[in-house]
Structures are given as structure tokens and as C-alpha cells.
């Protein structure tokens, strides 16, 4: 009970602290969206630029190009020699990196606050003047090919998940891996990366986030100086997100050189962007917490420690996606337990909630756990920049983050029950049994 009250208190502090951190929003004439979050607790600043361009935007013949261009953004530009971007940042105490997801690509720099002009100048330089030389491209392509080999091709569990995703999310850009299919990745050409850069890396397709020990009065003139002269370009069209109809139950058996068997189950469910009623997103969030929100959650209590069916098991909802959300179950059985038994146990946990809503005490525990996670995420300047940027490029009003706690508190046990009953159904489910090769 003490832990519960501490978590609730932290949630209240998060609401209060966030309300005290001013956030400013403006747009340049060329369409660049800018968010400035003031947090003066420490003399640091994070600069992130987010592009509405991820691997789901790739055509079937160019999988991997979004991630490969991310690598190229650190290579060469009109005024910076290959590798000089990162060397300059390091010289002035900066930390720089980037990441590509299905939904977006983002770049960040972190410095002592007085280096904000440097961070913006460097970011503007590669956005305006990137050079993709053939030799550099082919060199970086080999780096990415090796990355794929190490992270996926030589890791049976990663390879299993990649194959499962192709079946679990049919007819969408989520069905192919972010790093790209190996055969297609090997055939990418410099012209494809240049085309991607020209199509998607335009001001109207980006959000610039500046967070930390900075004011709008300091940031706006610098943003205007370094980004204001960029031509608007043509923002690529993007269809409105819609909820896909059920694809029907899909099943697969994978025999790979894994050490232990594994069960994967994934349900295609609404995201915040595709839900007709936003309340569905919050109900599914609470459902995820009821099933797997710590040691006292149902999957851990019943399947792992109670019945001892699984050596490890988990469940989770990801509703912050450009397309539909996903509700996922994964588990590895204890010796003597079959994957069919694990699957039946997961179905039983879902059925219990569909037939009987969780009690208020359980709902309070789940809210406390979810809110505590939000507190930890927002405690850092980087975490705040991540939250603002991600919501912005997903087409979600970033102000919803300030209402998250309030909306979560409105979820009733009956809404959680309805979420389990309506969305965790067989026609929305894909199932994979991953079996060691020597097992028949």
C-alpha cells in the first residue's frame, strides 16, 4: 500500500511539474513546425528534428532506405567533410545520434545550453546541404548490411520476430523490417536515397523540438536564422489513418536454431490515431496494465509464479503508432509445458476480464504503475523532447500528454472489460509457435 501511495504522489507531481514547464509552438513560413519546452532545472539543451518518414513509407522495392539515409545524414554535406558533424559535436561536449522507426525518423543533439546555436547550425547544414556521394553510399550500405547480419540474421529470435511481423500485420508497411529485407537492402542505389531525402526531408514534413534551459525568445531568432531561408518544397501526401478490418486469424510455425521454444501472439487493435473514440486507447492502455503491469499483474501472478507455466511471459499494448495499434503476448514455456498450453492460458486470462471486469483496487494499482512510468520518462529533458516530437509526427496533438493522467483516471472497469471482449478476438490475431530445429 505504501508503494501505491508513493506512485500516486509521483503521478500528482508529474502533473504539477509539467504544468509549470512552458511549451511554445510556432511555425516558420516554409512549414517547419517548432516546439520549445522550457525546463531550467539544469543548464542543458536537447535539439531533435523529427521527420514524418519511416519504414512504413517505403515502397516494396526499397525497404531499408529510410534507415540507410539516417546513416548518410552523418556522412557528408556542402560545408562538412565526412564524419565532421560528429567530430564537431564531440569537440564541444555534445552527444548526437538518430533512430529510424516504422513511423518516423528522428535526430538528436544534446549539449550544455550555451551550445544551442551550434546544434541548430549543424542540423540546418545537413538538412539544407546533404551530399550523398556514390562511394560514401556504398560504404555505408556495407555497414548497414553488417548491422543487419549481427542484429537479425545471426540472431534466431530476432529472425523469428521479423518473420512473424510479416504475417501479423498484413497489407501494411509494418510487415517488413525497418532495416529492410536482406536481398532488397543489398540492391539499394544512391539514387533511391537521394530521392528519399528530396521527397521527405522538407520543412513541412518535419517538427523541430528544442527542450531544456532555453526560452522562446532565445530559440525563435536562432531557428529563423538557420532554417528560415529553406525552401518549403512539396510536402509528400499522407493518407489519413484508418482502422483496418479484421484480417482473420493467422498461424505459423517457425523452426529455427533457437535455444527454447517461444509463443508470439499479436492482435491488431486501434491506436490513438485510428480509434473512433480516444477512450478506446486509454481502455486498452489499462488492459495492458491489468495483464502485465508488474509483479502483481495477472500474467506474472497466474502464469509465471502461480501455475508455473512460463519461464517468462509478458503482454503489452502499443497505441502510439501512425497506423493501427498492437496488443502483444509473448512467452517461453517451462519444461514439460507446450506452446498450446501457454496459448490457452493467455486466452483464459483475456476471457476472465471479458467476463468479469477488474476491481477498483486493481484499477488503482494499474493507474499508479502507468503514471509512475510516465513520471520517469518525463523527468529528463530528453524524455520530454521525445514525447513532444513523437506525438507531433504521429499526428496527435502534443497537448494530449498533459491530459494523459486525467483521461486514464476516467477509464472504468467496464471499459477495460469491453476492450478485452471487443478487440482481443481470434479474427484480429496472429499466432506463431517458434520451435528449436531439433524438435519435431
Protein backbone atom coordinates (compact mmCIF):
# COMPACT_ATOMS: atom_id res chain seq x y z
CA UNK A 1 0.00 0.00 0.00
CA UNK A 2 2.88 2.39 0.75
CA UNK A 3 4.30 1.83 -2.76
CA UNK A 4 0.88 2.62 -4.23
CA UNK A 5 0.65 5.96 -2.46
CA UNK A 6 4.21 6.85 -3.45
CA UNK A 7 3.42 6.13 -7.08
CA UNK A 8 0.20 8.17 -6.90
CA UNK A 9 2.12 11.03 -5.32
CA UNK A 10 4.69 10.88 -8.10
CA UNK A 11 1.87 11.00 -10.64
CA UNK A 12 0.49 14.12 -8.99
CA UNK A 13 3.94 15.69 -9.01
CA UNK A 14 4.27 14.90 -12.71
CA UNK A 15 1.05 16.75 -13.47
CA UNK A 16 2.18 19.73 -11.40
CA UNK A 17 5.72 19.79 -12.78
CA UNK A 18 4.57 19.53 -16.36
CA UNK A 19 2.10 22.38 -15.91
CA UNK A 20 4.98 24.56 -14.68
CA UNK A 21 7.10 23.88 -17.78
CA UNK A 22 6.06 26.31 -20.52
CA UNK A 23 5.78 24.90 -24.03
CA UNK A 24 5.77 27.23 -27.03
CA UNK A 25 4.66 26.34 -30.54
CA UNK A 26 5.23 28.22 -33.78
CA UNK A 27 5.65 27.54 -37.48
CA UNK A 28 8.05 29.07 -39.98
CA UNK A 29 6.79 30.39 -43.31
CA UNK A 30 8.26 27.33 -45.04
CA UNK A 31 6.11 24.99 -42.94
CA UNK A 32 8.61 23.83 -40.32
CA UNK A 33 6.80 23.16 -37.02
CA UNK A 34 8.75 24.16 -33.90
CA UNK A 35 8.15 23.23 -30.26
CA UNK A 36 10.15 24.81 -27.44
CA UNK A 37 9.89 23.28 -23.96
CA UNK A 38 11.40 25.30 -21.11
CA UNK A 39 12.99 23.29 -18.30
CA UNK A 40 15.53 25.35 -16.37
CA UNK A 41 16.47 22.75 -13.76
CA UNK A 42 19.87 22.15 -15.37
CA UNK A 43 21.96 24.07 -17.94
CA UNK A 44 21.44 21.55 -20.74
CA UNK A 45 19.54 21.54 -24.02
CA UNK A 46 18.26 18.84 -26.36
CA UNK A 47 17.59 19.55 -30.02
CA UNK A 48 15.62 16.99 -32.01
CA UNK A 49 14.29 17.06 -35.53
CA UNK A 50 11.57 14.58 -36.43
CA UNK A 51 10.51 13.62 -39.95
CA UNK A 52 7.19 12.05 -40.91
CA UNK A 53 9.10 9.41 -42.81
CA UNK A 54 9.62 5.89 -41.53
CA UNK A 55 9.90 2.45 -43.00
CA UNK A 56 6.13 2.16 -43.48
CA UNK A 57 6.51 4.81 -46.21
CA UNK A 58 8.90 2.64 -48.22
CA UNK A 59 7.85 1.03 -51.47
CA UNK A 60 8.23 -2.77 -51.65
CA UNK A 61 11.42 -2.50 -53.71
CA UNK A 62 13.19 -0.01 -51.41
CA UNK A 63 12.89 -1.48 -47.92
CA UNK A 64 15.67 -0.21 -45.68
CA UNK A 65 16.19 3.13 -47.46
CA UNK A 66 14.79 5.22 -44.58
CA UNK A 67 17.29 3.74 -42.13
CA UNK A 68 20.15 3.91 -44.62
CA UNK A 69 19.52 7.62 -45.20
CA UNK A 70 19.68 8.12 -41.42
CA UNK A 71 23.26 6.84 -41.62
CA UNK A 72 24.03 9.11 -44.59
CA UNK A 73 22.90 12.18 -42.66
CA UNK A 74 26.08 11.89 -40.58
CA UNK A 75 28.39 11.45 -43.57
CA UNK A 76 28.87 14.44 -45.83
CA UNK A 77 27.46 17.89 -46.63
CA UNK A 78 28.41 21.01 -48.53
CA UNK A 79 30.35 22.56 -45.64
CA UNK A 80 31.25 19.48 -43.59
CA UNK A 81 33.63 16.71 -44.60
CA UNK A 82 32.67 13.06 -43.98
CA UNK A 83 32.39 12.43 -40.23
CA UNK A 84 32.96 16.10 -39.31
CA UNK A 85 29.41 16.54 -37.98
CA UNK A 86 30.01 14.06 -35.16
CA UNK A 87 33.56 15.27 -34.54
CA UNK A 88 32.41 18.88 -34.10
CA UNK A 89 29.65 17.85 -31.73
CA UNK A 90 32.08 15.80 -29.63
CA UNK A 91 34.60 18.65 -29.55
CA UNK A 92 32.01 20.85 -27.85
CA UNK A 93 30.81 18.18 -25.44
CA UNK A 94 27.78 17.09 -27.41
CA UNK A 95 26.06 13.73 -27.72
CA UNK A 96 24.49 13.04 -31.12
CA UNK A 97 22.58 10.13 -32.59
CA UNK A 98 19.46 9.18 -34.52
CA UNK A 99 16.90 6.43 -34.88
CA UNK A 100 14.51 5.17 -37.52
CA UNK A 101 11.18 3.58 -36.67
CA UNK A 102 8.27 2.35 -38.69
CA UNK A 103 6.52 5.71 -38.26
CA UNK A 104 9.26 8.35 -38.30
CA UNK A 105 12.96 9.16 -38.33
CA UNK A 106 14.45 11.40 -35.64
CA UNK A 107 17.84 13.01 -34.98
CA UNK A 108 19.04 14.45 -31.69
CA UNK A 109 21.84 16.50 -30.22
CA UNK A 110 22.45 17.15 -26.51
CA UNK A 111 24.74 19.90 -25.20
CA UNK A 112 25.43 22.37 -22.47
CA UNK A 113 22.78 25.06 -23.02
CA UNK A 114 25.11 27.72 -24.47
CA UNK A 115 25.77 25.44 -27.47
CA UNK A 116 22.24 25.78 -28.81
CA UNK A 117 23.38 27.91 -31.80
CA UNK A 118 25.90 25.22 -32.76
CA UNK A 119 23.27 22.48 -32.55
CA UNK A 120 20.84 24.37 -34.77
CA UNK A 121 23.50 25.35 -37.29
CA UNK A 122 24.69 21.75 -37.60
CA UNK A 123 21.13 20.45 -38.01
CA UNK A 124 20.30 23.05 -40.64
CA UNK A 125 23.50 22.32 -42.55
CA UNK A 126 22.66 18.69 -43.22
CA UNK A 127 19.00 19.44 -43.85
CA UNK A 128 19.91 22.02 -46.50
CA UNK A 129 23.15 20.70 -47.91
CA UNK A 130 23.42 16.93 -47.55
CA UNK A 131 25.63 15.27 -50.15
CA UNK A 132 25.10 11.61 -50.98
CA UNK A 133 28.20 10.57 -52.86
CA UNK A 134 28.17 7.15 -54.52
CA UNK A 135 31.30 5.95 -52.75
CA UNK A 136 30.03 7.07 -49.35
CA UNK A 137 26.68 5.45 -50.00
CA UNK A 138 28.12 2.04 -50.88
CA UNK A 139 30.48 2.19 -47.91
CA UNK A 140 27.60 2.94 -45.53
CA UNK A 141 25.45 0.30 -47.18
CA UNK A 142 28.01 -2.32 -46.16
CA UNK A 143 27.85 -1.00 -42.58
CA UNK A 144 24.08 -1.43 -42.56
CA UNK A 145 24.32 -4.89 -44.12
CA UNK A 146 26.69 -5.92 -41.33
CA UNK A 147 24.33 -4.37 -38.77
CA UNK A 148 21.51 -6.47 -40.17
CA UNK A 149 23.66 -9.60 -40.06
CA UNK A 150 24.62 -9.07 -36.42
CA UNK A 151 21.21 -7.96 -35.13
CA UNK A 152 18.88 -10.18 -37.16
CA UNK A 153 20.36 -12.78 -39.49
CA UNK A 154 22.66 -14.27 -36.82
CA UNK A 155 20.04 -13.97 -34.05
CA UNK A 156 17.35 -16.64 -34.40
CA UNK A 157 14.95 -14.91 -32.00
CA UNK A 158 15.18 -11.64 -33.94
CA UNK A 159 14.74 -13.52 -37.21
CA UNK A 160 11.67 -15.26 -35.79
CA UNK A 161 10.07 -11.97 -34.80
CA UNK A 162 10.81 -10.50 -38.23
CA UNK A 163 9.08 -13.40 -39.96
CA UNK A 164 6.16 -13.17 -37.53
CA UNK A 165 5.66 -9.44 -38.17
CA UNK A 166 5.27 -10.14 -41.89
CA UNK A 167 2.25 -12.34 -41.11
CA UNK A 168 0.93 -10.39 -38.13
CA UNK A 169 0.50 -7.04 -39.91
CA UNK A 170 -0.51 -7.94 -43.47
CA UNK A 171 -1.07 -5.33 -46.15
CA UNK A 172 0.77 -2.59 -44.25
CA UNK A 173 4.25 -1.07 -44.17
CA UNK A 174 4.69 -2.65 -40.73
CA UNK A 175 5.01 -6.07 -42.39
CA UNK A 176 8.61 -5.52 -43.48
CA UNK A 177 11.57 -4.88 -41.16
CA UNK A 178 12.83 -1.35 -40.53
CA UNK A 179 16.33 -2.33 -41.57
CA UNK A 180 14.94 -3.86 -44.77
CA UNK A 181 14.78 -7.30 -46.31
CA UNK A 182 18.34 -8.50 -46.87
CA UNK A 183 18.09 -9.11 -50.63
CA UNK A 184 16.43 -5.75 -51.29
CA UNK A 185 18.78 -3.89 -48.98
CA UNK A 186 21.79 -5.23 -50.89
CA UNK A 187 20.41 -3.77 -54.13
CA UNK A 188 19.71 -0.22 -52.95
CA UNK A 189 21.18 2.53 -55.11
CA UNK A 190 22.38 6.05 -54.23
CA UNK A 191 19.58 7.48 -56.39
CA UNK A 192 16.99 5.94 -54.08
CA UNK A 193 18.49 7.61 -51.01
CA UNK A 194 18.67 10.95 -52.82
CA UNK A 195 15.05 10.63 -53.86
CA UNK A 196 14.00 9.80 -50.28
CA UNK A 197 15.87 12.84 -48.95
CA UNK A 198 14.29 15.15 -51.54
CA UNK A 199 10.78 13.78 -51.02
CA UNK A 200 10.57 13.57 -47.26
CA UNK A 201 13.22 15.86 -45.75
CA UNK A 202 11.35 19.10 -46.41
CA UNK A 203 10.35 21.65 -43.74
CA UNK A 204 6.63 20.94 -43.95
CA UNK A 205 7.26 17.28 -43.17
CA UNK A 206 9.30 17.93 -40.03
CA UNK A 207 9.00 19.04 -36.42
CA UNK A 208 11.92 20.71 -34.63
CA UNK A 209 11.89 20.22 -30.85
CA UNK A 210 14.09 22.27 -28.51
CA UNK A 211 13.91 21.35 -24.84
CA UNK A 212 15.90 22.43 -21.80
CA UNK A 213 17.41 25.57 -20.35
CA UNK A 214 16.12 27.83 -23.11
CA UNK A 215 13.36 30.37 -23.68
CA UNK A 216 11.26 31.01 -26.75
CA UNK A 217 12.85 34.47 -27.01
CA UNK A 218 16.27 32.83 -27.29
CA UNK A 219 15.24 29.99 -29.57
CA UNK A 220 12.98 31.66 -32.15
CA UNK A 221 15.57 34.04 -33.68
CA UNK A 222 18.08 31.20 -33.99
CA UNK A 223 15.53 28.94 -35.67
CA UNK A 224 14.60 31.73 -38.07
CA UNK A 225 18.28 32.40 -38.80
CA UNK A 226 19.27 28.83 -39.60
CA UNK A 227 16.05 27.34 -41.02
CA UNK A 228 14.03 30.30 -42.25
CA UNK A 229 15.68 30.52 -45.67
CA UNK A 230 14.96 26.89 -46.58
CA UNK A 231 12.54 26.48 -49.49
CA UNK A 232 9.25 24.92 -48.46
CA UNK A 233 9.43 22.17 -51.04
CA UNK A 234 6.42 19.91 -51.56
CA UNK A 235 5.16 18.03 -48.54
CA UNK A 236 4.50 14.40 -49.52
CA UNK A 237 0.86 13.30 -49.34
CA UNK A 238 -0.11 11.12 -46.42
CA UNK A 239 -3.43 9.27 -46.17
CA UNK A 240 -5.48 9.70 -43.02
CA UNK A 241 -5.04 6.76 -40.65
CA UNK A 242 -7.98 4.38 -40.56
CA UNK A 243 -8.86 1.29 -38.58
CA UNK A 244 -8.23 -1.83 -40.64
CA UNK A 245 -10.94 -4.50 -40.67
CA UNK A 246 -10.08 -7.88 -39.11
CA UNK A 247 -7.68 -9.83 -41.32
CA UNK A 248 -8.74 -13.22 -39.97
CA UNK A 249 -6.72 -15.47 -37.69
CA UNK A 250 -3.24 -16.26 -38.99
CA UNK A 251 -0.97 -19.02 -37.69
CA UNK A 252 2.57 -20.05 -38.40
CA UNK A 253 5.15 -22.49 -37.09
CA UNK A 254 8.81 -21.48 -37.28
CA UNK A 255 11.62 -24.00 -36.84
CA UNK A 256 14.82 -22.08 -36.18
CA UNK A 257 18.06 -22.62 -34.23
CA UNK A 258 16.59 -21.07 -31.07
CA UNK A 259 17.51 -22.50 -27.68
CA UNK A 260 14.00 -22.63 -26.23
CA UNK A 261 10.51 -22.58 -27.76
CA UNK A 262 8.55 -19.33 -27.78
CA UNK A 263 4.99 -18.21 -28.31
CA UNK A 264 4.08 -14.95 -30.05
CA UNK A 265 0.53 -13.60 -30.22
CA UNK A 266 -0.38 -10.24 -31.72
CA UNK A 267 -3.77 -8.57 -32.06
CA UNK A 268 -4.38 -5.70 -34.49
CA UNK A 269 -6.28 -3.12 -32.43
CA UNK A 270 -6.97 0.64 -32.61
CA UNK A 271 -4.24 3.15 -31.91
CA UNK A 272 -4.81 6.66 -30.60
CA UNK A 273 -4.68 7.81 -34.23
CA UNK A 274 -7.17 5.25 -35.60
CA UNK A 275 -9.60 4.82 -32.71
CA UNK A 276 -13.04 6.29 -33.40
CA UNK A 277 -13.24 7.19 -29.70
CA UNK A 278 -9.99 8.15 -27.89
CA UNK A 279 -11.38 6.40 -24.80
CA UNK A 280 -10.56 3.11 -26.55
CA UNK A 281 -6.84 3.97 -26.41
CA UNK A 282 -6.96 4.59 -22.66
CA UNK A 283 -9.03 1.46 -22.01
CA UNK A 284 -6.53 -0.68 -23.94
CA UNK A 285 -3.70 1.01 -22.03
CA UNK A 286 -5.34 -0.02 -18.76
CA UNK A 287 -5.99 -3.52 -20.10
CA UNK A 288 -2.28 -3.85 -20.83
CA UNK A 289 -1.53 -2.84 -17.25
CA UNK A 290 -4.02 -5.30 -15.78
CA UNK A 291 -2.42 -8.15 -17.70
CA UNK A 292 1.22 -7.11 -17.35
CA UNK A 293 1.91 -4.14 -15.11
CA UNK A 294 4.45 -5.51 -12.64
CA UNK A 295 4.84 -8.48 -10.33
CA UNK A 296 1.23 -8.29 -9.14
CA UNK A 297 -0.25 -8.20 -12.65
CA UNK A 298 -2.21 -11.19 -13.87
CA UNK A 299 0.21 -12.72 -16.37
CA UNK A 300 3.07 -12.71 -13.87
CA UNK A 301 0.93 -13.77 -10.91
CA UNK A 302 -1.01 -16.53 -12.62
CA UNK A 303 1.11 -17.90 -15.47
CA UNK A 304 4.67 -17.39 -14.22
CA UNK A 305 4.54 -17.63 -10.43
CA UNK A 306 1.15 -19.26 -9.91
CA UNK A 307 0.72 -22.12 -12.38
CA UNK A 308 4.43 -22.03 -13.31
CA UNK A 309 3.60 -22.47 -16.98
CA UNK A 310 6.13 -19.97 -18.29
CA UNK A 311 9.74 -19.18 -17.57
CA UNK A 312 8.92 -15.68 -18.75
CA UNK A 313 5.78 -14.10 -20.14
CA UNK A 314 4.55 -10.64 -20.99
CA UNK A 315 1.76 -8.62 -22.54
CA UNK A 316 1.64 -5.07 -23.78
CA UNK A 317 -0.27 -2.51 -25.81
CA UNK A 318 1.38 -0.06 -28.21
CA UNK A 319 -1.20 2.50 -29.25
CA UNK A 320 1.12 5.31 -30.30
CA UNK A 321 1.55 4.38 -33.94
CA UNK A 322 0.64 6.05 -37.21
CA UNK A 323 -1.41 3.04 -38.23
CA UNK A 324 -3.25 0.58 -36.06
CA UNK A 325 -2.02 -0.35 -32.61
CA UNK A 326 -0.87 -3.76 -31.47
CA UNK A 327 -1.60 -5.82 -28.40
CA UNK A 328 1.10 -8.44 -27.97
CA UNK A 329 1.64 -11.54 -25.82
CA UNK A 330 4.97 -13.39 -25.65
CA UNK A 331 6.11 -16.31 -23.53
CA UNK A 332 8.64 -19.12 -23.18
CA UNK A 333 7.35 -22.32 -21.55
CA UNK A 334 8.77 -24.12 -18.57
CA UNK A 335 9.98 -27.69 -19.25
CA UNK A 336 7.08 -30.03 -19.90
CA UNK A 337 4.68 -27.23 -20.90
CA UNK A 338 3.57 -27.00 -24.52
CA UNK A 339 3.07 -23.84 -26.53
CA UNK A 340 -0.57 -24.84 -26.95
CA UNK A 341 -0.95 -24.79 -23.15
CA UNK A 342 0.63 -21.35 -22.96
CA UNK A 343 -1.67 -20.06 -25.68
CA UNK A 344 -4.71 -21.44 -23.86
CA UNK A 345 -3.53 -19.80 -20.62
CA UNK A 346 -3.27 -16.38 -22.29
CA UNK A 347 -6.73 -16.84 -23.78
CA UNK A 348 -8.07 -17.74 -20.35
CA UNK A 349 -6.66 -14.54 -18.83
CA UNK A 350 -8.34 -12.49 -21.54
CA UNK A 351 -11.60 -14.39 -21.13
CA UNK A 352 -11.63 -13.74 -17.37
CA UNK A 353 -11.52 -9.99 -17.96
CA UNK A 354 -14.09 -10.17 -20.77
CA UNK A 355 -16.47 -11.98 -18.42
CA UNK A 356 -15.69 -10.10 -15.20
CA UNK A 357 -14.29 -6.53 -15.09
CA UNK A 358 -11.31 -5.82 -12.84
CA UNK A 359 -12.00 -4.41 -9.39
CA UNK A 360 -11.37 -0.82 -8.34
CA UNK A 361 -8.34 -1.75 -6.24
CA UNK A 362 -6.71 -3.43 -9.23
CA UNK A 363 -7.57 -0.42 -11.41
CA UNK A 364 -5.91 1.91 -8.88
CA UNK A 365 -2.76 -0.22 -8.84
CA UNK A 366 -2.55 -0.21 -12.64
CA UNK A 367 -3.05 3.57 -12.86
CA UNK A 368 -0.29 4.09 -10.30
CA UNK A 369 2.08 1.85 -12.27
CA UNK A 370 1.34 3.54 -15.60
CA UNK A 371 1.64 7.02 -14.13
CA UNK A 372 4.93 6.16 -12.46
CA UNK A 373 6.29 5.14 -15.87
CA UNK A 374 5.19 8.49 -17.26
CA UNK A 375 6.91 10.31 -14.41
CA UNK A 376 10.24 8.61 -15.04
CA UNK A 377 10.01 9.25 -18.79
CA UNK A 378 9.34 12.96 -18.36
CA UNK A 379 11.93 13.54 -15.68
CA UNK A 380 14.69 14.15 -18.24
CA UNK A 381 14.91 16.83 -20.88
CA UNK A 382 15.49 14.12 -23.47
CA UNK A 383 12.35 12.29 -22.34
CA UNK A 384 10.29 15.45 -22.73
CA UNK A 385 11.69 16.11 -26.21
CA UNK A 386 10.93 12.51 -27.18
CA UNK A 387 7.34 12.78 -26.01
CA UNK A 388 6.68 16.09 -27.78
CA UNK A 389 8.26 15.03 -31.05
CA UNK A 390 6.68 11.61 -31.22
CA UNK A 391 3.16 12.88 -30.63
CA UNK A 392 3.65 15.67 -33.16
CA UNK A 393 4.79 13.48 -36.05
CA UNK A 394 2.15 10.85 -35.31
CA UNK A 395 -0.48 13.48 -35.97
CA UNK A 396 -1.57 13.62 -32.33
CA UNK A 397 -1.92 16.93 -30.53
CA UNK A 398 1.09 17.10 -28.19
CA UNK A 399 -1.14 18.72 -25.56
CA UNK A 400 -2.80 15.36 -25.01
CA UNK A 401 0.27 14.41 -22.98
CA UNK A 402 -0.85 16.94 -20.39
CA UNK A 403 -4.26 15.25 -20.23
CA UNK A 404 -2.97 11.68 -20.09
CA UNK A 405 -3.34 11.28 -16.34
CA UNK A 406 -6.82 12.79 -16.35
CA UNK A 407 -8.01 10.59 -19.21
CA UNK A 408 -6.56 7.48 -17.63
CA UNK A 409 -8.43 8.25 -14.41
CA UNK A 410 -11.72 8.27 -16.33
CA UNK A 411 -11.38 4.66 -17.52
CA UNK A 412 -13.93 2.39 -15.84
CA UNK A 413 -13.62 -1.33 -15.15
CA UNK A 414 -16.44 -1.89 -17.64
CA UNK A 415 -14.46 -0.13 -20.40
CA UNK A 416 -11.49 -2.43 -19.73
CA UNK A 417 -13.84 -5.41 -19.88
CA UNK A 418 -15.28 -4.18 -23.17
CA UNK A 419 -11.80 -3.64 -24.64
CA UNK A 420 -10.87 -7.26 -23.92
CA UNK A 421 -14.16 -8.53 -25.31
CA UNK A 422 -14.22 -6.38 -28.46
CA UNK A 423 -10.59 -6.31 -29.58
CA UNK A 424 -8.72 -9.38 -28.29
CA UNK A 425 -10.62 -11.72 -30.60
CA UNK A 426 -9.42 -14.51 -32.88
CA UNK A 427 -10.16 -12.72 -36.17
CA UNK A 428 -7.73 -9.96 -35.18
CA UNK A 429 -5.00 -12.34 -34.03
CA UNK A 430 -1.77 -13.76 -35.43
CA UNK A 431 -0.02 -16.61 -33.61
CA UNK A 432 3.49 -18.00 -34.05
CA UNK A 433 4.97 -21.11 -32.45
CA UNK A 434 8.77 -20.85 -32.54
CA UNK A 435 10.35 -24.28 -32.12
CA UNK A 436 14.02 -25.31 -31.91
CA UNK A 437 15.10 -27.03 -35.12
CA UNK A 438 15.87 -30.33 -33.42
CA UNK A 439 12.32 -30.58 -32.05
CA UNK A 440 9.64 -32.18 -34.24
